[in-house]
Amino acid sequence: MAIILYPPTIDWTWMKQRPQQILSQFAADGHTVYYANRTQTEEPLTEVIPGLYVISNWDIWVSEELPNIQKTSHEPIGIWCSNPLLAKSLPYHLVDWVVYDCVDDFAEWHPYEIEIFQKADIIFCTSERIYKRIERMSNLPIHLVRNGYDPSMGLHLNTDTTTLSKPILGYVGAWAPWIHLSILQRCAQLPTAIVQVIGPEFGSKFITHPTIQFLDNIPHFKLNQYIQHFSVCLIPFRINAITLATNPVKAYEYLASGKPVISTALPECRAMSPYIDIAKDMRNFVELVEWRLKEPGDSGSRIQYALSNTWEHRYLEIKQHLPRHFLS
């Protein structure tokens, strides 16, 4: 079994995404994981699930605790890094291997990737676009492993048949600059529906609108209670360099609910067609929403797609690509 370190990138409780999911899978498979929060405090080491410990004072832990682990442990120690901005500060001298998991394609990250390409042993990425970009830049082994669905959310078990007075057009995710606000405003003009936004502000401020509800960040384990009431699930992203490389976690969660999903023309969502409906433009997006309010379509096939693409499936893909000596 291995000891795996995840340096401070996102807090354990902030929008459960790929890092939390993948590292949880490592822990469930018997490995020991030390997950560092981005927010640094004096909180003690906390075991949040069996085998996974959250670190709130990374610098102190690396300088005082990690050397002892390195000296006394007979297990391989690795770094799982998804933030290249940390490349220069990682404790390479105390570990046996480094994985770079490229989850986003932010242009400001590219210069820092050069450093981590030099230190990493293997690279994983979440989308075809990222894979092709990195393939041109590095000779390291690189593998495309997309995002997935967490069955513990229970979305695929939804039996709620409550009829709401108005259908809800729902978006779950960060309220970020790549959200196409005009699309949501057009959807909010539909006389029979309201738009619901669930997620924290991330580089953009919430607006005031009579038929758009902003619910801020909802804990991951409670999302089922909201998504099950959506009539149509939305991925209203602008098309830009970031979103062209995005494989949205929310897409798998939406599909697990069996609800219809409408997306702008993101390549990774196109790859999920026909389970996701792809809009050609803003007008077509609203047309598809109106259509799916009348004709929801085949919920069973959507649910099955999500269950065929869980985080456990993704972990098994990752494990297949990791050299045996990394983990034992």
Protein backbone atom coordinates (compact mmCIF):
# COMPACT_ATOMS: atom_id res chain seq x y z
CA MET A 1 0.00 0.00 0.00
CA ALA A 2 1.13 3.56 -0.71
CA ILE A 3 1.14 6.85 1.17
CA ILE A 4 -0.26 9.61 -1.04
CA LEU A 5 0.05 13.35 -0.46
CA TYR A 6 -2.25 15.93 -1.97
CA PRO A 7 -0.77 19.45 -1.54
CA PRO A 8 -3.02 22.43 -0.65
CA THR A 9 -5.24 23.20 -3.64
CA ILE A 10 -8.91 23.18 -2.63
CA ASP A 11 -10.44 22.67 0.80
CA TRP A 12 -11.83 19.23 1.50
CA THR A 13 -15.34 20.62 2.08
CA TRP A 14 -15.36 23.08 -0.87
CA MET A 15 -17.40 21.78 -3.81
CA LYS A 16 -16.56 18.07 -3.80
CA GLN A 17 -14.82 17.59 -7.13
CA ARG A 18 -12.25 15.35 -8.80
CA PRO A 19 -9.45 15.68 -6.20
CA GLN A 20 -11.67 14.68 -3.27
CA GLN A 21 -13.25 11.89 -5.29
CA ILE A 22 -10.04 10.37 -6.63
CA LEU A 23 -8.20 10.59 -3.30
CA SER A 24 -11.20 9.01 -1.57
CA GLN A 25 -10.94 6.09 -3.97
CA PHE A 26 -7.27 5.63 -3.08
CA ALA A 27 -8.21 5.53 0.61
CA ALA A 28 -11.04 3.08 -0.02
CA ASP A 29 -8.52 0.81 -1.75
CA GLY A 30 -6.39 0.65 1.38
CA HIS A 31 -3.85 3.40 0.74
CA THR A 32 -3.13 6.17 3.26
CA VAL A 33 -3.94 9.65 1.99
CA TYR A 34 -2.90 13.00 3.43
CA TYR A 35 -5.08 15.69 1.89
CA ALA A 36 -4.00 19.28 2.57
CA ASN A 37 -6.61 22.02 2.74
CA ARG A 38 -5.92 25.22 0.86
CA THR A 39 -7.06 27.18 3.91
CA GLN A 40 -4.27 26.86 6.45
CA THR A 41 -5.16 26.86 10.15
CA GLU A 42 -3.87 25.31 13.36
CA GLU A 43 -6.50 22.56 13.29
CA PRO A 44 -5.05 19.12 14.12
CA LEU A 45 -4.79 16.29 11.62
CA THR A 46 -8.30 14.87 11.09
CA GLU A 47 -9.33 11.50 9.67
CA VAL A 48 -12.43 12.38 7.62
CA ILE A 49 -12.94 8.93 6.10
CA PRO A 50 -11.03 5.73 6.87
CA GLY A 51 -7.47 6.14 5.65
CA LEU A 52 -7.81 9.77 4.54
CA TYR A 53 -6.45 12.53 6.76
CA VAL A 54 -7.00 16.24 6.22
CA ILE A 55 -4.01 18.48 6.94
CA SER A 56 -4.64 22.10 7.87
CA ASN A 57 -1.01 23.13 8.51
CA TRP A 58 0.80 21.74 5.45
CA ASP A 59 4.14 23.56 5.86
CA ILE A 60 4.58 22.42 9.44
CA TRP A 61 3.43 18.89 8.63
CA VAL A 62 5.88 18.62 5.70
CA SER A 63 8.81 19.90 7.75
CA GLU A 64 8.09 17.98 10.97
CA GLU A 65 5.95 14.92 10.24
CA LEU A 66 6.70 13.87 6.67
CA PRO A 67 10.46 13.27 7.27
CA ASN A 68 9.57 10.87 10.09
CA ILE A 69 7.12 9.03 7.85
CA GLN A 70 9.73 8.85 5.12
CA LYS A 71 12.34 7.39 7.48
CA THR A 72 10.14 4.83 9.23
CA SER A 73 7.70 3.73 6.52
CA HIS A 74 8.43 0.87 4.17
CA GLU A 75 5.62 1.97 1.87
CA PRO A 76 6.12 4.05 -1.29
CA ILE A 77 5.24 7.72 -0.88
CA GLY A 78 3.78 9.72 -3.75
CA ILE A 79 2.47 13.18 -4.55
CA TRP A 80 -0.80 13.60 -6.43
CA CYS A 81 -0.79 17.22 -7.66
CA SER A 82 -3.47 19.04 -9.63
CA ASN A 83 -2.13 22.57 -9.23
CA PRO A 84 1.08 23.33 -11.17
CA LEU A 85 1.48 26.64 -9.31
CA LEU A 86 2.74 24.51 -6.41
CA ALA A 87 5.42 22.82 -8.53
CA LYS A 88 8.42 24.64 -7.05
CA SER A 89 7.40 24.04 -3.44
CA LEU A 90 6.65 20.31 -3.42
CA PRO A 91 8.80 18.05 -1.18
CA TYR A 92 10.23 15.95 -4.02
CA HIS A 93 13.19 14.79 -1.92
CA LEU A 94 10.87 13.00 0.51
CA VAL A 95 8.73 11.07 -2.00
CA ASP A 96 9.16 8.23 -4.48
CA TRP A 97 6.91 9.41 -7.27
CA VAL A 98 4.88 12.36 -8.56
CA VAL A 99 1.66 12.40 -10.57
CA TYR A 100 0.36 15.53 -12.25
CA ASP A 101 -3.40 15.39 -12.70
CA CYS A 102 -4.31 18.20 -15.11
CA VAL A 103 -7.93 19.05 -14.37
CA ASP A 104 -8.24 22.50 -15.98
CA ASP A 105 -6.68 24.41 -18.85
CA PHE A 106 -6.02 27.84 -17.36
CA ALA A 107 -3.56 29.79 -19.54
CA GLU A 108 -1.89 31.28 -16.46
CA TRP A 109 -0.98 27.75 -15.34
CA HIS A 110 0.94 26.84 -18.51
CA PRO A 111 4.32 28.40 -17.57
CA TYR A 112 4.29 26.54 -14.24
CA GLU A 113 3.61 23.21 -15.93
CA ILE A 114 7.15 23.20 -17.33
CA GLU A 115 8.47 22.67 -13.81
CA ILE A 116 6.06 19.91 -12.94
CA PHE A 117 6.69 18.15 -16.27
CA GLN A 118 10.32 17.92 -15.19
CA LYS A 119 9.42 16.46 -11.80
CA ALA A 120 6.44 14.24 -12.61
CA ASP A 121 6.58 10.56 -13.49
CA ILE A 122 3.18 10.34 -15.15
CA ILE A 123 0.37 12.69 -16.21
CA PHE A 124 -3.40 12.25 -16.17
CA CYS A 125 -5.85 14.70 -17.71
CA THR A 126 -9.60 15.16 -17.85
CA SER A 127 -10.32 16.04 -21.48
CA GLU A 128 -9.25 15.31 -25.04
CA ARG A 129 -8.17 18.92 -25.57
CA ILE A 130 -5.85 18.89 -22.55
CA TYR A 131 -4.47 15.51 -23.61
CA LYS A 132 -3.55 16.77 -27.06
CA ARG A 133 -1.96 19.95 -25.71
CA ILE A 134 0.22 18.18 -23.17
CA GLU A 135 1.12 15.42 -25.62
CA ARG A 136 2.81 18.06 -27.76
CA MET A 137 4.77 19.43 -24.80
CA SER A 138 5.93 16.42 -22.81
CA ASN A 139 7.40 12.97 -23.38
CA LEU A 140 5.98 11.67 -20.12
CA PRO A 141 3.34 8.92 -20.12
CA ILE A 142 0.00 10.73 -20.37
CA HIS A 143 -3.45 9.21 -19.98
CA LEU A 144 -6.94 10.59 -20.53
CA VAL A 145 -9.17 9.78 -17.55
CA ARG A 146 -12.35 11.81 -17.50
CA ASN A 147 -14.51 12.76 -14.51
CA GLY A 148 -17.33 10.66 -13.11
CA TYR A 149 -20.37 10.20 -10.90
CA ASP A 150 -20.44 9.55 -7.17
CA PRO A 151 -23.16 6.94 -6.48
CA SER A 152 -23.22 7.91 -2.79
CA MET A 153 -25.17 11.00 -3.90
CA GLY A 154 -28.11 8.67 -4.52
CA LEU A 155 -29.29 10.59 -7.57
CA HIS A 156 -29.81 7.36 -9.51
CA LEU A 157 -32.14 6.15 -6.75
CA ASN A 158 -34.43 9.17 -6.99
CA THR A 159 -38.06 8.20 -6.52
CA ASP A 160 -39.43 11.66 -5.77
CA THR A 161 -42.49 12.43 -7.90
CA THR A 162 -43.43 15.74 -6.28
CA THR A 163 -45.15 18.09 -8.71
CA LEU A 164 -43.93 21.65 -8.35
CA SER A 165 -46.02 24.70 -9.15
CA LYS A 166 -43.32 25.86 -11.58
CA PRO A 167 -40.66 23.71 -13.24
CA ILE A 168 -37.09 24.46 -12.16
CA LEU A 169 -34.28 24.92 -14.66
CA GLY A 170 -31.23 24.13 -12.57
CA TYR A 171 -27.51 24.84 -12.67
CA VAL A 172 -25.05 23.39 -10.13
CA GLY A 173 -21.48 24.66 -10.04
CA ALA A 174 -19.29 27.66 -9.40
CA TRP A 175 -20.73 31.04 -10.44
CA ALA A 176 -17.76 31.88 -12.62
CA PRO A 177 -16.90 34.20 -15.54
CA TRP A 178 -17.49 31.37 -18.02
CA ILE A 179 -21.20 31.22 -17.18
CA HIS A 180 -23.24 32.57 -20.08
CA LEU A 181 -25.51 34.86 -18.08
CA SER A 182 -27.58 35.85 -21.12
CA ILE A 183 -28.62 32.23 -21.61
CA LEU A 184 -29.87 32.01 -18.04
CA GLN A 185 -31.67 35.32 -18.39
CA ARG A 186 -33.40 34.10 -21.55
CA CYS A 187 -34.39 30.86 -19.82
CA ALA A 188 -35.68 32.87 -16.87
CA GLN A 189 -38.02 34.71 -19.24
CA LEU A 190 -39.95 31.51 -19.95
CA PRO A 191 -43.35 32.17 -18.36
CA THR A 192 -43.70 28.74 -16.79
CA ALA A 193 -40.29 28.25 -15.17
CA ILE A 194 -37.72 29.59 -12.74
CA VAL A 195 -33.94 29.24 -12.88
CA GLN A 196 -32.07 27.99 -9.84
CA VAL A 197 -28.30 28.44 -9.40
CA ILE A 198 -26.50 26.36 -6.77
CA GLY A 199 -22.82 27.08 -6.13
CA PRO A 200 -20.41 29.65 -4.71
CA GLU A 201 -19.23 32.87 -6.29
CA PHE A 202 -15.97 32.21 -8.12
CA GLY A 203 -14.67 35.30 -9.88
CA SER A 204 -18.21 36.61 -10.54
CA LYS A 205 -20.83 38.19 -8.30
CA PHE A 206 -24.41 37.01 -8.04
CA ILE A 207 -26.98 39.29 -9.65
CA THR A 208 -30.48 40.25 -8.60
CA HIS A 209 -33.17 38.81 -10.87
CA PRO A 210 -36.88 38.16 -10.24
CA THR A 211 -36.86 34.58 -11.59
CA ILE A 212 -33.27 33.47 -10.98
CA GLN A 213 -32.65 32.08 -7.51
CA PHE A 214 -29.07 32.05 -6.18
CA LEU A 215 -28.71 29.49 -3.40
CA ASP A 216 -24.92 29.81 -2.94
CA ASN A 217 -22.91 26.70 -2.01
CA ILE A 218 -24.87 23.63 -0.88
CA PRO A 219 -22.98 20.74 0.79
CA HIS A 220 -22.36 17.92 -1.65
CA PHE A 221 -24.36 15.38 0.35
CA LYS A 222 -27.44 17.62 0.11
CA LEU A 223 -27.35 18.24 -3.65
CA ASN A 224 -29.61 15.27 -4.31
CA GLN A 225 -32.45 17.09 -2.56
CA TYR A 226 -32.20 19.95 -5.06
CA ILE A 227 -31.30 18.20 -8.33
CA GLN A 228 -34.21 15.78 -7.92
CA HIS A 229 -36.55 18.78 -8.19
CA PHE A 230 -34.99 20.09 -11.42
CA SER A 231 -37.08 19.65 -14.53
CA VAL A 232 -34.17 20.43 -16.85
CA CYS A 233 -30.46 20.58 -15.92
CA LEU A 234 -28.32 23.29 -17.49
CA ILE A 235 -24.66 23.65 -18.53
CA PRO A 236 -24.74 27.26 -19.83
CA PHE A 237 -21.02 27.78 -20.44
CA ARG A 238 -19.47 30.30 -22.77
CA ILE A 239 -17.24 28.76 -25.42
CA ASN A 240 -13.65 29.75 -24.63
CA ALA A 241 -10.24 28.19 -24.05
CA ILE A 242 -11.19 27.07 -20.53
CA THR A 243 -14.54 25.51 -21.31
CA LEU A 244 -13.35 23.85 -24.52
CA ALA A 245 -11.14 21.75 -22.24
CA THR A 246 -13.75 21.17 -19.53
CA ASN A 247 -15.23 17.79 -18.70
CA PRO A 248 -18.00 18.91 -16.32
CA VAL A 249 -18.50 16.80 -13.20
CA LYS A 250 -22.02 18.18 -13.04
CA ALA A 251 -22.86 16.47 -16.35
CA TYR A 252 -22.51 13.02 -14.77
CA GLU A 253 -24.43 14.06 -11.68
CA TYR A 254 -27.25 15.53 -13.76
CA LEU A 255 -27.47 12.39 -15.90
CA ALA A 256 -27.59 10.20 -12.80
CA SER A 257 -30.85 11.90 -11.86
CA GLY A 258 -32.34 10.86 -15.20
CA LYS A 259 -33.30 14.45 -15.94
CA PRO A 260 -32.74 16.02 -19.39
CA VAL A 261 -29.50 17.98 -19.71
CA ILE A 262 -28.94 20.94 -22.05
CA SER A 263 -25.41 22.19 -22.75
CA THR A 264 -23.71 24.69 -24.97
CA ALA A 265 -21.42 23.14 -27.58
CA LEU A 266 -18.62 21.93 -25.30
CA PRO A 267 -16.55 19.16 -26.93
CA GLU A 268 -16.65 16.97 -23.82
CA CYS A 269 -20.44 17.29 -23.62
CA ARG A 270 -20.73 16.54 -27.34
CA ALA A 271 -18.99 13.27 -26.53
CA MET A 272 -21.89 12.48 -24.15
CA SER A 273 -24.55 12.91 -26.83
CA PRO A 274 -27.28 11.66 -27.14
CA TYR A 275 -27.56 11.62 -23.35
CA ILE A 276 -26.94 15.38 -23.33
CA ASP A 277 -28.68 17.76 -25.75
CA ILE A 278 -26.24 20.17 -27.39
CA ALA A 279 -27.38 23.68 -28.29
CA LYS A 280 -26.02 25.40 -31.40
CA ASP A 281 -26.54 28.89 -30.01
CA MET A 282 -28.47 30.84 -27.38
CA ARG A 283 -31.77 30.67 -29.22
CA ASN A 284 -31.44 26.93 -29.74
CA PHE A 285 -30.55 26.49 -26.04
CA VAL A 286 -33.88 28.01 -25.01
CA GLU A 287 -35.71 26.00 -27.68
CA LEU A 288 -34.22 22.78 -26.34
CA VAL A 289 -35.24 23.74 -22.80
CA GLU A 290 -38.82 24.32 -23.95
CA TRP A 291 -38.81 21.00 -25.80
CA ARG A 292 -37.49 19.04 -22.83
CA LEU A 293 -40.06 20.60 -20.52
CA LYS A 294 -42.65 18.94 -22.74
CA GLU A 295 -40.69 15.81 -23.72
CA PRO A 296 -38.24 14.80 -20.96
CA GLY A 297 -37.02 11.75 -22.87
CA ASP A 298 -35.44 8.51 -21.70
CA SER A 299 -34.35 8.85 -18.08
CA GLY A 300 -33.23 5.24 -17.82
CA SER A 301 -30.50 5.51 -20.45
CA ARG A 302 -29.14 8.65 -18.80
CA ILE A 303 -28.97 6.96 -15.41
CA GLN A 304 -27.25 3.93 -16.91
CA TYR A 305 -24.67 6.15 -18.60
CA ALA A 306 -23.82 7.77 -15.25
CA LEU A 307 -23.59 4.40 -13.51
CA SER A 308 -21.18 3.24 -16.22
CA ASN A 309 -18.96 6.25 -15.52
CA THR A 310 -18.53 6.38 -11.75
CA TRP A 311 -15.49 7.57 -9.82
CA GLU A 312 -14.72 3.95 -9.03
CA HIS A 313 -14.51 3.28 -12.77
CA ARG A 314 -12.14 6.23 -13.11
CA TYR A 315 -9.98 5.03 -10.23
CA LEU A 316 -9.65 1.60 -11.82
CA GLU A 317 -8.52 3.29 -15.04
CA ILE A 318 -5.93 5.27 -13.10
CA LYS A 319 -4.74 2.22 -11.18
CA GLN A 320 -4.28 0.34 -14.45
CA HIS A 321 -1.90 3.03 -15.70
CA LEU A 322 0.16 3.47 -12.53
CA PRO A 323 3.34 1.37 -12.28
CA ARG A 324 2.95 -1.41 -9.73
CA HIS A 325 5.81 -0.14 -7.56
CA PHE A 326 3.98 3.17 -7.06
CA LEU A 327 1.33 1.44 -4.94
CA SER A 328 3.11 -1.46 -3.23
